[in-house]
Protein backbone atom coordinates (compact mmCIF):
# COMPACT_ATOMS: atom_id res chain seq x y z
CA MET A 1 163.38 56.35 82.65
CA ILE A 2 160.27 57.39 84.56
CA GLY A 3 157.29 55.04 84.78
CA ASN A 4 154.10 55.59 86.71
CA SER A 5 153.47 58.53 89.00
CA PHE A 6 151.66 58.12 92.32
CA SER A 7 149.98 61.08 94.02
CA VAL A 8 150.71 61.57 97.69
CA ASP A 9 147.21 62.23 99.00
CA ASP A 10 146.27 65.85 98.21
CA THR A 11 149.69 67.31 99.08
CA GLY A 12 150.86 68.04 95.53
CA TRP A 13 153.83 65.73 96.09
CA SER A 14 154.37 62.60 93.99
CA VAL A 15 156.30 59.36 93.95
CA LEU A 16 157.70 58.27 90.58
CA GLU A 17 158.81 54.85 89.40
CA VAL A 18 162.39 54.99 88.14
CA GLY A 19 164.01 52.24 86.14
CA GLU A 20 165.28 50.91 82.85
CA LEU A 21 163.37 49.76 79.82
CA ASP A 22 163.52 46.01 79.20
CA ARG A 23 163.93 45.94 75.43
CA ALA A 24 162.70 42.35 75.12
CA SER A 25 159.34 42.93 76.82
CA LEU A 26 159.13 46.74 76.44
CA SER A 27 158.29 46.99 80.13
CA LEU A 28 159.93 49.07 82.83
CA ARG A 29 162.24 47.28 85.26
CA VAL A 30 161.66 49.42 88.36
CA GLN A 31 164.89 50.17 90.23
CA GLY A 32 163.40 52.47 92.85
CA TYR A 33 160.91 55.20 93.69
CA GLN A 34 161.74 58.92 93.60
CA ILE A 35 159.91 61.48 95.73
CA THR A 36 159.15 64.80 94.04
CA ASN A 37 157.84 67.99 95.60
CA ARG A 38 155.10 70.31 94.34
CA HIS A 39 157.50 71.87 91.84
CA GLY A 40 158.52 68.50 90.36
CA GLU A 41 161.97 68.60 91.94
CA ALA A 42 163.47 65.31 93.11
CA VAL A 43 163.83 65.09 96.89
CA GLY A 44 166.25 62.68 98.57
CA GLU A 45 167.53 59.34 97.33
CA LEU A 46 165.64 56.56 95.57
CA CYS A 47 163.54 54.39 97.87
CA ALA A 48 163.51 50.63 97.29
CA ASP A 49 159.81 50.29 98.16
CA ARG A 50 156.80 52.30 96.95
CA GLU A 51 155.01 52.26 100.32
CA MET A 52 158.16 53.49 102.08
CA ALA A 53 158.49 56.30 99.50
CA LEU A 54 154.84 57.30 99.97
CA ALA A 55 155.26 57.36 103.76
CA GLN A 56 158.43 59.47 103.51
CA ALA A 57 156.74 61.84 101.06
CA ARG A 58 153.80 62.30 103.45
CA ASP A 59 156.22 63.15 106.26
CA LEU A 60 158.13 65.59 104.05
CA ALA A 61 154.95 67.23 102.75
CA GLN A 62 153.62 67.64 106.28
CA GLY A 63 156.85 69.29 107.37
CA MET A 64 156.73 71.69 104.41
CA ALA A 65 153.08 72.70 104.87
CA PRO A 66 152.54 76.39 105.74
């Protein structure tokens, strides 16, 4: 299940929370953070930390810039 989405500056890339729904509290138990490109396609593996995912997404977006 996807939770919150975090914009990666003004690159068009995003980092998404990925996890499972805790049925008792109806909250998301975040298992990792997925980087997505401008087209919404998942890039790479899940990152354990949001800041690490944002940093990787910035690096990827910079490398893909025209």
